[in-house]
Amino acid sequence: GDNCIVNSGSVVSHDSVLADNVHIAPGAILAGGVRVGSDTLVGMGVTIYLGVELGERVVVVNGQHVFENVRSDRLIGGQRR
């Protein structure tokens, strides 16, 4: 997508798709076939399992491991303030 950041040391593996305004932080790893919705942040050191889909406006907090699809407007691994 447009306006994406794939930061230092991150891996976006084969057949993965990033929508607009996605930030993949340093050291994050996306396995093959991952789909990331718009306006989503994948934090430092996060791993996303093969074929997982992240919705829009998702935040995955640093160091999390995601094995299942995540619906839009979710915070994974943290607390809403």
C-alpha atoms as a PDB file:
ATOM      1  CA  GLY A   1       0.000   0.000   0.000  1.00  0.00           C
ATOM      2  CA  ASP A   2       0.862   3.666   0.000  1.00  0.00           C
ATOM      3  CA  ASN A   3       2.650   5.488   2.810  1.00  0.00           C
ATOM      4  CA  CYS A   4       3.997   2.357   4.529  1.00  0.00           C
ATOM      5  CA  ILE A   5       7.110   2.003   6.665  1.00  0.00           C
ATOM      6  CA  VAL A   6       8.967  -1.312   6.683  1.00  0.00           C
ATOM      7  CA  ASN A   7      11.571  -0.521   9.302  1.00  0.00           C
ATOM      8  CA  SER A   8      15.146  -1.714   9.871  1.00  0.00           C
ATOM      9  CA  GLY A   9      15.610  -5.421  10.491  1.00  0.00           C
ATOM     10  CA  SER A  10      11.980  -6.318   9.845  1.00  0.00           C
ATOM     11  CA  VAL A  11      10.932  -9.149   7.521  1.00  0.00           C
ATOM     12  CA  VAL A  12       7.861  -9.156   5.291  1.00  0.00           C
ATOM     13  CA  SER A  13       7.847 -12.621   3.795  1.00  0.00           C
ATOM     14  CA  HIS A  14       6.448 -13.971   0.510  1.00  0.00           C
ATOM     15  CA  ASP A  15       2.893 -13.256  -0.603  1.00  0.00           C
ATOM     16  CA  SER A  16       2.224 -10.825   2.260  1.00  0.00           C
ATOM     17  CA  VAL A  17       0.188  -7.667   1.579  1.00  0.00           C
ATOM     18  CA  LEU A  18       0.316  -4.340   3.404  1.00  0.00           C
ATOM     19  CA  ALA A  19      -2.567  -1.890   2.990  1.00  0.00           C
ATOM     20  CA  ASP A  20      -2.094   1.892   3.202  1.00  0.00           C
ATOM     21  CA  ASN A  21      -0.447   3.605   6.200  1.00  0.00           C
ATOM     22  CA  VAL A  22       1.013   0.459   7.768  1.00  0.00           C
ATOM     23  CA  HIS A  23       4.073   0.634  10.033  1.00  0.00           C
ATOM     24  CA  ILE A  24       6.157  -2.499  10.508  1.00  0.00           C
ATOM     25  CA  ALA A  25       8.514  -1.642  13.392  1.00  0.00           C
ATOM     26  CA  PRO A  26      12.162  -2.770  13.705  1.00  0.00           C
ATOM     27  CA  GLY A  27      12.652  -6.509  14.136  1.00  0.00           C
ATOM     28  CA  ALA A  28       9.060  -7.506  13.374  1.00  0.00           C
ATOM     29  CA  ILE A  29       8.600 -10.697  11.335  1.00  0.00           C
ATOM     30  CA  LEU A  30       5.610 -11.397   9.104  1.00  0.00           C
ATOM     31  CA  ALA A  31       5.470 -14.970   7.801  1.00  0.00           C
ATOM     32  CA  GLY A  32       4.227 -15.750   4.303  1.00  0.00           C
ATOM     33  CA  GLY A  33       0.732 -14.796   3.213  1.00  0.00           C
ATOM     34  CA  VAL A  34       0.092 -12.276   5.998  1.00  0.00           C
ATOM     35  CA  ARG A  35      -2.394  -9.475   5.240  1.00  0.00           C
ATOM     36  CA  VAL A  36      -2.212  -6.216   7.190  1.00  0.00           C
ATOM     37  CA  GLY A  37      -5.111  -3.742   7.090  1.00  0.00           C
ATOM     38  CA  SER A  38      -4.730   0.012   6.748  1.00  0.00           C
ATOM     39  CA  ASP A  39      -3.570   2.258   9.603  1.00  0.00           C
ATOM     40  CA  THR A  40      -2.064  -0.687  11.492  1.00  0.00           C
ATOM     41  CA  LEU A  41       1.092  -0.754  13.628  1.00  0.00           C
ATOM     42  CA  VAL A  42       3.071  -3.972  14.105  1.00  0.00           C
ATOM     43  CA  GLY A  43       5.432  -3.302  17.026  1.00  0.00           C
ATOM     44  CA  MET A  44       9.091  -4.127  17.563  1.00  0.00           C
ATOM     45  CA  GLY A  45       9.954  -7.822  17.724  1.00  0.00           C
ATOM     46  CA  VAL A  46       6.429  -8.967  16.889  1.00  0.00           C
ATOM     47  CA  THR A  47       5.946 -12.228  14.992  1.00  0.00           C
ATOM     48  CA  ILE A  48       2.875 -12.828  12.842  1.00  0.00           C
ATOM     49  CA  TYR A  49       2.183 -16.467  11.933  1.00  0.00           C
ATOM     50  CA  LEU A  50       1.698 -17.773   8.389  1.00  0.00           C
ATOM     51  CA  GLY A  51      -1.508 -16.576   6.686  1.00  0.00           C
ATOM     52  CA  VAL A  52      -2.797 -14.402   9.548  1.00  0.00           C
ATOM     53  CA  GLU A  53      -4.945 -11.383   8.679  1.00  0.00           C
ATOM     54  CA  LEU A  54      -4.816  -8.185  10.737  1.00  0.00           C
ATOM     55  CA  GLY A  55      -7.741  -5.803  10.339  1.00  0.00           C
ATOM     56  CA  GLU A  56      -7.661  -2.034  10.023  1.00  0.00           C
ATOM     57  CA  ARG A  57      -6.454   0.227  12.857  1.00  0.00           C
ATOM     58  CA  VAL A  58      -4.831  -2.627  14.793  1.00  0.00           C
ATOM     59  CA  VAL A  59      -1.929  -2.058  17.183  1.00  0.00           C
ATOM     60  CA  VAL A  60       0.225  -5.065  18.054  1.00  0.00           C
ATOM     61  CA  VAL A  61       2.369  -4.180  21.070  1.00  0.00           C
ATOM     62  CA  ASN A  62       6.106  -4.928  21.040  1.00  0.00           C
ATOM     63  CA  GLY A  63       7.141  -8.562  21.486  1.00  0.00           C
ATOM     64  CA  GLN A  64       3.766 -10.202  20.833  1.00  0.00           C
ATOM     65  CA  HIS A  65       3.269 -13.419  18.858  1.00  0.00           C
ATOM     66  CA  VAL A  66       0.078 -13.469  16.780  1.00  0.00           C
ATOM     67  CA  PHE A  67      -1.275 -16.859  15.666  1.00  0.00           C
ATOM     68  CA  GLU A  68      -4.900 -15.961  14.802  1.00  0.00           C
ATOM     69  CA  ASN A  69      -6.692 -13.384  12.678  1.00  0.00           C
ATOM     70  CA  VAL A  70      -7.345 -10.042  14.391  1.00  0.00           C
ATOM     71  CA  ARG A  71     -10.465  -7.955  13.735  1.00  0.00           C
ATOM     72  CA  SER A  72     -10.270  -4.216  13.064  1.00  0.00           C
ATOM     73  CA  ASP A  73      -9.893  -1.647  15.870  1.00  0.00           C
ATOM     74  CA  ARG A  74      -8.052  -3.971  18.264  1.00  0.00           C
ATOM     75  CA  LEU A  75      -5.095  -3.562  20.617  1.00  0.00           C
ATOM     76  CA  ILE A  76      -3.077  -6.775  21.015  1.00  0.00           C
ATOM     77  CA  GLY A  77      -0.914  -7.159  24.115  1.00  0.00           C
ATOM     78  CA  GLY A  78      -1.594  -3.885  25.866  1.00  0.00           C
ATOM     79  CA  GLN A  79      -4.175  -1.863  27.720  1.00  0.00           C
ATOM     80  CA  ARG A  80      -6.383   0.855  26.289  1.00  0.00           C
ATOM     81  CA  ARG A  81      -6.065   4.157  28.130  1.00  0.00           C
END
